[in-house]
């Protein structure tokens, strides 16, 4: 406990605010996913897309550095939450944090079969670059294209 508190002191005020805010955004998404029908909260997932929308833009290093910092701080909030936060909750929280700062990213959903079980996963990309997972995630999972959002999100619950 003391070690965790010492680590907390290494954050500046802006990072502490982001960490706290991320923790509460995780709480919001966990509650919505766990207890509220998808049809009632699906509108809160603004601009959910499943294709690369690079549009020829180049991603500059400063933007990527800030995006990675936001992702890293949100991952800390997720790891120190009251319950385990899965990839969907992580992605929705991180998407909200990034959108709020003007970084509009894409949510991707994929599946794979592992030992006769269907596994689902979600990740984010910004201008075609995976930002909260390893770059090979799209080779490990078959990305789902939107056919029925209800079925896709229900599988990730």
N, C-alpha and C. Protein backbone atom coordinates (compact mmCIF):
# COMPACT_ATOMS: atom_id res chain seq x y z
N UNK A 1 0.83 -1.19 0.00
CA UNK A 1 0.00 0.00 0.00
C UNK A 1 0.87 1.25 0.00
N UNK A 2 1.90 1.27 0.82
CA UNK A 2 2.79 2.41 0.89
C UNK A 2 3.54 2.60 -0.41
N UNK A 3 3.93 1.47 -1.02
CA UNK A 3 4.62 1.53 -2.30
C UNK A 3 3.72 2.14 -3.38
N UNK A 4 2.45 1.76 -3.40
CA UNK A 4 1.49 2.32 -4.36
C UNK A 4 1.32 3.82 -4.14
N UNK A 5 1.29 4.24 -2.89
CA UNK A 5 1.15 5.66 -2.59
C UNK A 5 2.37 6.44 -3.07
N UNK A 6 3.56 5.86 -2.90
CA UNK A 6 4.78 6.52 -3.38
C UNK A 6 4.77 6.66 -4.90
N UNK A 7 4.27 5.63 -5.57
CA UNK A 7 4.17 5.71 -7.04
C UNK A 7 3.19 6.79 -7.46
N UNK A 8 2.13 6.95 -6.70
CA UNK A 8 1.12 7.97 -6.98
C UNK A 8 1.71 9.37 -6.89
N UNK A 9 2.64 9.56 -5.98
CA UNK A 9 3.27 10.87 -5.80
C UNK A 9 4.16 11.27 -6.98
N UNK A 10 4.49 10.31 -7.83
CA UNK A 10 5.34 10.62 -9.00
C UNK A 10 4.55 11.29 -10.13
N UNK A 11 3.23 11.24 -10.04
CA UNK A 11 2.39 11.88 -11.05
C UNK A 11 2.27 13.37 -10.77
N UNK A 12 2.18 14.17 -11.85
CA UNK A 12 1.89 15.59 -11.66
C UNK A 12 0.37 15.76 -11.51
N UNK A 13 -0.07 16.97 -11.25
CA UNK A 13 -1.49 17.25 -10.99
C UNK A 13 -2.35 16.86 -12.20
N UNK A 14 -1.90 17.19 -13.39
CA UNK A 14 -2.66 16.87 -14.61
C UNK A 14 -2.82 15.36 -14.76
N UNK A 15 -1.75 14.61 -14.49
CA UNK A 15 -1.81 13.15 -14.60
C UNK A 15 -2.69 12.55 -13.51
N UNK A 16 -2.64 13.10 -12.32
CA UNK A 16 -3.51 12.62 -11.23
C UNK A 16 -4.98 12.87 -11.56
N UNK A 17 -5.28 14.02 -12.14
CA UNK A 17 -6.64 14.32 -12.54
C UNK A 17 -7.11 13.32 -13.60
N UNK A 18 -6.26 13.05 -14.59
CA UNK A 18 -6.60 12.10 -15.64
C UNK A 18 -6.79 10.70 -15.06
N UNK A 19 -5.93 10.30 -14.14
CA UNK A 19 -6.04 8.99 -13.50
C UNK A 19 -7.37 8.86 -12.76
N UNK A 20 -7.72 9.89 -12.01
CA UNK A 20 -8.98 9.89 -11.26
C UNK A 20 -10.17 9.88 -12.20
N UNK A 21 -10.11 10.73 -13.21
CA UNK A 21 -11.20 10.80 -14.19
C UNK A 21 -11.36 9.45 -14.90
N UNK A 22 -10.25 8.85 -15.31
CA UNK A 22 -10.30 7.55 -16.00
C UNK A 22 -10.94 6.50 -15.09
N UNK A 23 -10.61 6.52 -13.81
CA UNK A 23 -11.17 5.54 -12.88
C UNK A 23 -12.69 5.64 -12.86
N UNK A 24 -13.21 6.87 -12.85
CA UNK A 24 -14.67 7.05 -12.83
C UNK A 24 -15.31 6.74 -14.18
N UNK A 25 -14.60 6.99 -15.26
CA UNK A 25 -15.13 6.62 -16.58
C UNK A 25 -15.20 5.10 -16.71
N UNK A 26 -14.19 4.39 -16.17
CA UNK A 26 -14.27 2.92 -16.12
C UNK A 26 -15.51 2.48 -15.35
N UNK A 27 -15.77 3.13 -14.23
CA UNK A 27 -16.93 2.80 -13.42
C UNK A 27 -18.22 2.99 -14.23
N UNK A 28 -18.29 4.09 -14.95
CA UNK A 28 -19.47 4.37 -15.79
C UNK A 28 -19.68 3.27 -16.82
N UNK A 29 -18.61 2.94 -17.58
CA UNK A 29 -18.76 1.93 -18.63
C UNK A 29 -19.04 0.55 -18.06
N UNK A 30 -18.43 0.22 -16.94
CA UNK A 30 -18.70 -1.07 -16.32
C UNK A 30 -20.17 -1.17 -15.92
N UNK A 31 -20.70 -0.11 -15.32
CA UNK A 31 -22.11 -0.10 -14.93
C UNK A 31 -23.02 -0.24 -16.16
N UNK A 32 -22.75 0.56 -17.20
CA UNK A 32 -23.60 0.50 -18.39
C UNK A 32 -23.57 -0.88 -19.03
N UNK A 33 -22.39 -1.44 -19.21
CA UNK A 33 -22.26 -2.74 -19.86
C UNK A 33 -22.90 -3.84 -19.00
N UNK A 34 -22.70 -3.76 -17.70
CA UNK A 34 -23.18 -4.82 -16.80
C UNK A 34 -24.68 -4.80 -16.54
N UNK A 35 -25.27 -3.60 -16.48
CA UNK A 35 -26.65 -3.53 -15.98
C UNK A 35 -27.67 -2.90 -16.93
N UNK A 36 -27.22 -2.21 -17.95
CA UNK A 36 -28.15 -1.49 -18.82
C UNK A 36 -28.17 -2.15 -20.20
N UNK A 37 -29.34 -2.28 -20.76
CA UNK A 37 -29.50 -2.87 -22.08
C UNK A 37 -28.69 -2.08 -23.11
N UNK A 38 -28.01 -2.79 -23.98
CA UNK A 38 -27.14 -2.18 -24.98
C UNK A 38 -27.85 -1.11 -25.80
N UNK A 39 -29.09 -1.36 -26.15
CA UNK A 39 -29.83 -0.40 -26.97
C UNK A 39 -29.98 0.95 -26.29
N UNK A 40 -29.90 0.96 -24.97
CA UNK A 40 -30.06 2.23 -24.23
C UNK A 40 -28.76 3.02 -24.12
N UNK A 41 -27.60 2.36 -24.25
CA UNK A 41 -26.34 3.10 -24.14
C UNK A 41 -25.53 3.12 -25.43
N UNK A 42 -26.00 2.46 -26.46
CA UNK A 42 -25.23 2.41 -27.71
C UNK A 42 -25.01 3.78 -28.31
N UNK A 43 -25.92 4.72 -28.10
CA UNK A 43 -25.76 6.07 -28.65
C UNK A 43 -24.57 6.80 -28.02
N UNK A 44 -24.16 6.37 -26.83
CA UNK A 44 -23.02 7.01 -26.18
C UNK A 44 -21.69 6.61 -26.80
N UNK A 45 -21.71 5.59 -27.63
CA UNK A 45 -20.50 5.21 -28.35
C UNK A 45 -20.51 6.00 -29.65
N UNK A 46 -20.02 7.20 -29.55
CA UNK A 46 -20.06 8.08 -30.72
C UNK A 46 -19.03 7.65 -31.75
N UNK A 47 -19.42 7.72 -32.99
CA UNK A 47 -18.49 7.54 -34.09
C UNK A 47 -17.79 6.19 -34.06
N UNK A 48 -18.49 5.12 -33.68
CA UNK A 48 -17.87 3.80 -33.70
C UNK A 48 -17.70 3.39 -35.16
N UNK A 49 -16.48 3.15 -35.52
CA UNK A 49 -16.19 2.73 -36.88
C UNK A 49 -15.33 1.49 -36.84
N UNK A 50 -15.31 0.79 -37.93
CA UNK A 50 -14.58 -0.45 -37.98
C UNK A 50 -13.62 -0.49 -39.16
N UNK A 51 -13.42 0.62 -39.80
CA UNK A 51 -12.48 0.65 -40.90
C UNK A 51 -11.40 1.67 -40.62
N UNK A 52 -10.31 1.53 -41.34
CA UNK A 52 -9.20 2.46 -41.20
C UNK A 52 -9.60 3.78 -41.85
N UNK A 53 -9.58 4.87 -41.09
CA UNK A 53 -9.94 6.16 -41.68
C UNK A 53 -8.74 7.10 -41.72
N UNK A 54 -7.62 6.59 -42.17
CA UNK A 54 -6.39 7.37 -42.21
C UNK A 54 -6.53 8.60 -43.11
N UNK A 55 -7.27 8.48 -44.19
CA UNK A 55 -7.52 9.60 -45.11
C UNK A 55 -6.25 10.32 -45.54
N UNK A 56 -5.14 9.59 -45.59
CA UNK A 56 -3.89 10.18 -46.05
C UNK A 56 -3.21 11.08 -45.04
N UNK A 57 -3.74 11.18 -43.83
CA UNK A 57 -3.13 12.03 -42.82
C UNK A 57 -1.90 11.36 -42.23
N UNK A 58 -0.93 12.14 -41.88
CA UNK A 58 0.22 11.59 -41.19
C UNK A 58 0.06 11.85 -39.70
N UNK A 59 0.45 10.88 -38.92
CA UNK A 59 0.35 11.01 -37.47
C UNK A 59 1.67 11.56 -36.96
N UNK A 60 1.63 12.73 -36.32
CA UNK A 60 2.90 13.26 -35.84
C UNK A 60 3.26 12.67 -34.48
N UNK A 61 4.53 12.71 -34.18
CA UNK A 61 5.06 12.09 -32.97
C UNK A 61 4.49 12.70 -31.70
N UNK A 62 4.29 14.00 -31.68
CA UNK A 62 3.74 14.66 -30.48
C UNK A 62 2.35 14.14 -30.16
N UNK A 63 1.51 13.99 -31.19
CA UNK A 63 0.16 13.45 -30.97
C UNK A 63 0.23 12.03 -30.42
N UNK A 64 1.06 11.21 -31.05
CA UNK A 64 1.17 9.82 -30.60
C UNK A 64 1.71 9.73 -29.17
N UNK A 65 2.63 10.60 -28.83
CA UNK A 65 3.18 10.61 -27.48
C UNK A 65 2.09 10.95 -26.47
N UNK A 66 1.27 11.96 -26.75
CA UNK A 66 0.19 12.32 -25.85
C UNK A 66 -0.85 11.21 -25.77
N UNK A 67 -1.19 10.63 -26.90
CA UNK A 67 -2.17 9.53 -26.93
C UNK A 67 -1.66 8.36 -26.09
N UNK A 68 -0.41 7.98 -26.26
CA UNK A 68 0.17 6.86 -25.49
C UNK A 68 0.18 7.18 -24.00
N UNK A 69 0.44 8.44 -23.63
CA UNK A 69 0.43 8.82 -22.21
C UNK A 69 -0.97 8.67 -21.63
N UNK A 70 -1.98 9.08 -22.38
CA UNK A 70 -3.37 8.94 -21.94
C UNK A 70 -3.73 7.47 -21.78
N UNK A 71 -3.34 6.66 -22.77
CA UNK A 71 -3.60 5.21 -22.72
C UNK A 71 -2.92 4.61 -21.49
N UNK A 72 -1.64 4.95 -21.26
CA UNK A 72 -0.90 4.38 -20.13
C UNK A 72 -1.53 4.73 -18.79
N UNK A 73 -1.92 5.97 -18.62
CA UNK A 73 -2.55 6.38 -17.35
C UNK A 73 -3.90 5.68 -17.17
N UNK A 74 -4.66 5.56 -18.26
CA UNK A 74 -5.94 4.86 -18.15
C UNK A 74 -5.74 3.38 -17.84
N UNK A 75 -4.68 2.78 -18.35
CA UNK A 75 -4.38 1.37 -18.04
C UNK A 75 -4.09 1.20 -16.55
N UNK A 76 -3.41 2.17 -15.96
CA UNK A 76 -3.15 2.13 -14.52
C UNK A 76 -4.47 2.18 -13.75
N UNK A 77 -5.36 3.08 -14.16
CA UNK A 77 -6.68 3.18 -13.52
C UNK A 77 -7.44 1.86 -13.65
N UNK A 78 -7.38 1.26 -14.81
CA UNK A 78 -8.07 0.00 -15.04
C UNK A 78 -7.50 -1.15 -14.21
N UNK A 79 -6.18 -1.18 -14.07
CA UNK A 79 -5.55 -2.25 -13.28
C UNK A 79 -5.83 -2.11 -11.79
N UNK A 80 -6.11 -0.90 -11.34
CA UNK A 80 -6.34 -0.66 -9.91
C UNK A 80 -7.81 -0.34 -9.63
N UNK A 81 -8.68 -1.02 -10.34
CA UNK A 81 -10.11 -0.79 -10.17
C UNK A 81 -10.69 -1.83 -9.22
N UNK A 82 -11.97 -1.66 -8.89
CA UNK A 82 -12.61 -2.57 -7.94
C UNK A 82 -12.85 -3.96 -8.53
N UNK A 83 -12.84 -4.05 -9.85
CA UNK A 83 -12.94 -5.35 -10.51
C UNK A 83 -12.13 -5.31 -11.79
N UNK A 84 -11.91 -6.47 -12.36
CA UNK A 84 -11.11 -6.55 -13.58
C UNK A 84 -11.85 -5.88 -14.74
N UNK A 85 -11.16 -5.01 -15.45
CA UNK A 85 -11.74 -4.33 -16.61
C UNK A 85 -11.26 -5.04 -17.87
N UNK A 86 -12.22 -5.53 -18.65
CA UNK A 86 -11.86 -6.25 -19.86
C UNK A 86 -11.55 -5.28 -21.01
N UNK A 87 -11.24 -5.83 -22.16
CA UNK A 87 -10.81 -5.01 -23.28
C UNK A 87 -11.91 -4.06 -23.77
N UNK A 88 -13.16 -4.47 -23.73
CA UNK A 88 -14.24 -3.58 -24.17
C UNK A 88 -14.35 -2.37 -23.25
N UNK A 89 -14.32 -2.61 -21.96
CA UNK A 89 -14.39 -1.50 -21.00
C UNK A 89 -13.17 -0.58 -21.15
N UNK A 90 -12.00 -1.19 -21.35
CA UNK A 90 -10.79 -0.39 -21.57
C UNK A 90 -10.92 0.47 -22.82
N UNK A 91 -11.38 -0.12 -23.90
CA UNK A 91 -11.49 0.61 -25.16
C UNK A 91 -12.52 1.74 -25.08
N UNK A 92 -13.66 1.46 -24.49
CA UNK A 92 -14.69 2.50 -24.40
C UNK A 92 -14.24 3.64 -23.49
N UNK A 93 -13.55 3.31 -22.42
CA UNK A 93 -13.02 4.35 -21.53
C UNK A 93 -11.95 5.17 -22.25
N UNK A 94 -11.02 4.50 -22.89
CA UNK A 94 -9.94 5.20 -23.58
C UNK A 94 -10.47 6.01 -24.76
N UNK A 95 -11.45 5.48 -25.45
CA UNK A 95 -12.06 6.22 -26.57
C UNK A 95 -12.69 7.51 -26.04
N UNK A 96 -13.39 7.43 -24.92
CA UNK A 96 -14.01 8.62 -24.35
C UNK A 96 -12.94 9.63 -23.91
N UNK A 97 -11.89 9.16 -23.26
CA UNK A 97 -10.81 10.06 -22.82
C UNK A 97 -10.15 10.75 -24.02
N UNK A 98 -9.89 9.98 -25.07
CA UNK A 98 -9.22 10.53 -26.25
C UNK A 98 -10.14 11.47 -27.04
N UNK A 99 -11.40 11.07 -27.20
CA UNK A 99 -12.36 11.93 -27.91
C UNK A 99 -12.49 13.29 -27.22
N UNK A 100 -12.50 13.26 -25.90
CA UNK A 100 -12.64 14.50 -25.13
C UNK A 100 -11.47 15.46 -25.39
N UNK A 101 -10.33 14.90 -25.77
CA UNK A 101 -9.15 15.71 -26.05
C UNK A 101 -8.93 15.93 -27.54
N UNK A 102 -9.92 15.58 -28.35
CA UNK A 102 -9.85 15.84 -29.78
C UNK A 102 -9.20 14.75 -30.61
N UNK A 103 -8.89 13.62 -30.02
CA UNK A 103 -8.30 12.49 -30.76
C UNK A 103 -9.41 11.48 -31.05
N UNK A 104 -9.91 11.49 -32.25
CA UNK A 104 -11.01 10.60 -32.62
C UNK A 104 -10.43 9.30 -33.16
N UNK A 105 -10.64 8.26 -32.39
CA UNK A 105 -10.06 6.96 -32.75
C UNK A 105 -11.17 5.98 -33.12
N UNK A 106 -10.74 4.89 -33.72
CA UNK A 106 -11.67 3.86 -34.17
C UNK A 106 -11.65 2.67 -33.23
N UNK A 107 -12.83 2.15 -32.95
CA UNK A 107 -12.99 0.95 -32.14
C UNK A 107 -13.05 -0.23 -33.09
N UNK A 108 -12.23 -1.24 -32.81
CA UNK A 108 -12.20 -2.46 -33.62
C UNK A 108 -12.60 -3.64 -32.75
N UNK A 109 -13.36 -4.55 -33.32
CA UNK A 109 -13.78 -5.76 -32.62
C UNK A 109 -13.36 -6.95 -33.46
N UNK A 110 -12.79 -7.94 -32.79
CA UNK A 110 -12.33 -9.12 -33.51
C UNK A 110 -12.60 -10.38 -32.72
N UNK A 111 -12.51 -11.51 -33.41
CA UNK A 111 -12.71 -12.82 -32.78
C UNK A 111 -11.64 -13.79 -33.26
N UNK A 112 -11.45 -14.84 -32.47
CA UNK A 112 -10.59 -15.96 -32.87
C UNK A 112 -11.10 -17.20 -32.16
N UNK A 113 -10.74 -18.33 -32.71
CA UNK A 113 -11.09 -19.60 -32.07
C UNK A 113 -9.82 -20.13 -31.42
N UNK A 114 -9.92 -20.37 -30.11
CA UNK A 114 -8.79 -20.85 -29.33
C UNK A 114 -9.26 -22.05 -28.51
N UNK A 115 -8.69 -23.21 -28.76
CA UNK A 115 -9.07 -24.44 -28.08
C UNK A 115 -10.58 -24.67 -28.11
N UNK A 116 -11.15 -24.57 -29.29
CA UNK A 116 -12.58 -24.78 -29.55
C UNK A 116 -13.49 -23.74 -28.89
N UNK A 117 -12.93 -22.64 -28.41
CA UNK A 117 -13.73 -21.57 -27.81
C UNK A 117 -13.59 -20.31 -28.65
N UNK A 118 -14.70 -19.61 -28.80
CA UNK A 118 -14.68 -18.34 -29.51
C UNK A 118 -14.25 -17.25 -28.53
N UNK A 119 -13.19 -16.55 -28.87
CA UNK A 119 -12.68 -15.46 -28.04
C UNK A 119 -12.91 -14.15 -28.77
N UNK A 120 -13.39 -13.14 -28.06
CA UNK A 120 -13.61 -11.82 -28.64
C UNK A 120 -12.62 -10.84 -28.02
N UNK A 121 -12.27 -9.81 -28.79
CA UNK A 121 -11.31 -8.80 -28.32
C UNK A 121 -11.62 -7.47 -28.98
N UNK A 122 -11.28 -6.39 -28.31
CA UNK A 122 -11.45 -5.06 -28.90
C UNK A 122 -10.17 -4.27 -28.71
N UNK A 123 -9.94 -3.33 -29.63
CA UNK A 123 -8.77 -2.48 -29.57
C UNK A 123 -9.08 -1.18 -30.29
N UNK A 124 -8.23 -0.18 -30.11
CA UNK A 124 -8.40 1.13 -30.72
C UNK A 124 -7.29 1.42 -31.71
N UNK A 125 -7.65 2.21 -32.72
CA UNK A 125 -6.62 2.71 -33.64
C UNK A 125 -6.84 4.20 -33.84
N UNK A 126 -5.76 4.87 -34.16
CA UNK A 126 -5.78 6.29 -34.47
C UNK A 126 -5.04 6.48 -35.77
N UNK A 127 -5.73 6.97 -36.78
CA UNK A 127 -5.18 7.17 -38.12
C UNK A 127 -4.47 5.91 -38.61
N UNK A 128 -5.11 4.77 -38.38
CA UNK A 128 -4.60 3.50 -38.90
C UNK A 128 -3.58 2.80 -38.03
N UNK A 129 -3.16 3.41 -36.92
CA UNK A 129 -2.17 2.80 -36.04
C UNK A 129 -2.86 2.29 -34.78
N UNK A 130 -2.56 1.04 -34.40
CA UNK A 130 -3.10 0.48 -33.17
C UNK A 130 -2.47 1.24 -32.00
N UNK A 131 -3.30 1.72 -31.08
CA UNK A 131 -2.78 2.57 -30.00
C UNK A 131 -2.89 1.97 -28.60
N UNK A 132 -3.67 0.93 -28.42
CA UNK A 132 -3.79 0.37 -27.06
C UNK A 132 -3.60 -1.14 -27.02
N UNK A 133 -2.91 -1.65 -28.00
CA UNK A 133 -2.65 -3.09 -28.06
C UNK A 133 -1.40 -3.27 -28.92
N UNK A 134 -0.97 -4.50 -29.08
CA UNK A 134 0.19 -4.75 -29.93
C UNK A 134 -0.21 -4.59 -31.40
N UNK A 135 0.75 -4.24 -32.21
CA UNK A 135 0.45 -3.96 -33.62
C UNK A 135 -0.04 -5.19 -34.38
N UNK A 136 0.27 -6.38 -33.87
CA UNK A 136 -0.13 -7.60 -34.57
C UNK A 136 -1.53 -8.09 -34.17
N UNK A 137 -2.27 -7.29 -33.42
CA UNK A 137 -3.59 -7.72 -32.94
C UNK A 137 -4.52 -8.09 -34.09
N UNK A 138 -4.43 -7.37 -35.19
CA UNK A 138 -5.33 -7.67 -36.32
C UNK A 138 -4.93 -8.96 -37.03
N UNK A 139 -3.72 -9.45 -36.80
CA UNK A 139 -3.36 -10.75 -37.38
C UNK A 139 -3.74 -11.89 -36.43
N UNK A 140 -3.90 -11.59 -35.14
CA UNK A 140 -4.31 -12.61 -34.17
C UNK A 140 -5.82 -12.77 -34.09
N UNK A 141 -6.57 -11.72 -34.44
CA UNK A 141 -8.03 -11.75 -34.39
C UNK A 141 -8.57 -11.40 -35.76
N UNK A 142 -9.65 -12.05 -36.14
CA UNK A 142 -10.35 -11.69 -37.38
C UNK A 142 -11.30 -10.55 -37.05
N UNK A 143 -11.04 -9.41 -37.65
CA UNK A 143 -11.85 -8.23 -37.34
C UNK A 143 -13.26 -8.39 -37.88
N UNK A 144 -14.23 -8.03 -37.05
CA UNK A 144 -15.63 -8.09 -37.44
C UNK A 144 -16.02 -6.80 -38.12
N UNK A 145 -16.68 -6.92 -39.21
CA UNK A 145 -17.25 -5.76 -39.88
C UNK A 145 -18.69 -5.64 -39.40
N UNK A 146 -19.20 -4.44 -39.33
CA UNK A 146 -20.52 -4.22 -38.78
C UNK A 146 -21.58 -4.93 -39.62
N UNK A 147 -22.25 -5.86 -38.97
CA UNK A 147 -23.42 -6.50 -39.54
C UNK A 147 -24.54 -6.33 -38.54
N UNK A 148 -24.25 -6.73 -37.32
CA UNK A 148 -25.21 -6.56 -36.23
C UNK A 148 -24.44 -6.13 -34.99
N UNK A 149 -24.46 -4.85 -34.69
CA UNK A 149 -23.75 -4.34 -33.52
C UNK A 149 -24.23 -5.01 -32.25
N UNK A 150 -25.53 -5.29 -32.17
CA UNK A 150 -26.08 -5.92 -30.97
C UNK A 150 -25.38 -7.24 -30.68
N UNK A 151 -25.23 -8.07 -31.70
CA UNK A 151 -24.59 -9.37 -31.53
C UNK A 151 -23.13 -9.22 -31.14
N UNK A 152 -22.44 -8.25 -31.76
CA UNK A 152 -21.02 -8.06 -31.49
C UNK A 152 -20.81 -7.63 -30.03
N UNK A 153 -21.51 -6.61 -29.58
CA UNK A 153 -21.30 -6.11 -28.23
C UNK A 153 -21.80 -7.08 -27.18
N UNK A 154 -22.84 -7.82 -27.46
CA UNK A 154 -23.33 -8.81 -26.50
C UNK A 154 -22.29 -9.93 -26.31
N UNK A 155 -21.58 -10.28 -27.38
CA UNK A 155 -20.54 -11.30 -27.28
C UNK A 155 -19.37 -10.83 -26.42
N UNK A 156 -19.11 -9.53 -26.40
CA UNK A 156 -17.98 -9.00 -25.63
C UNK A 156 -18.32 -8.77 -24.16
N UNK A 157 -19.58 -8.80 -23.81
CA UNK A 157 -19.97 -8.58 -22.40
C UNK A 157 -19.31 -9.63 -21.57
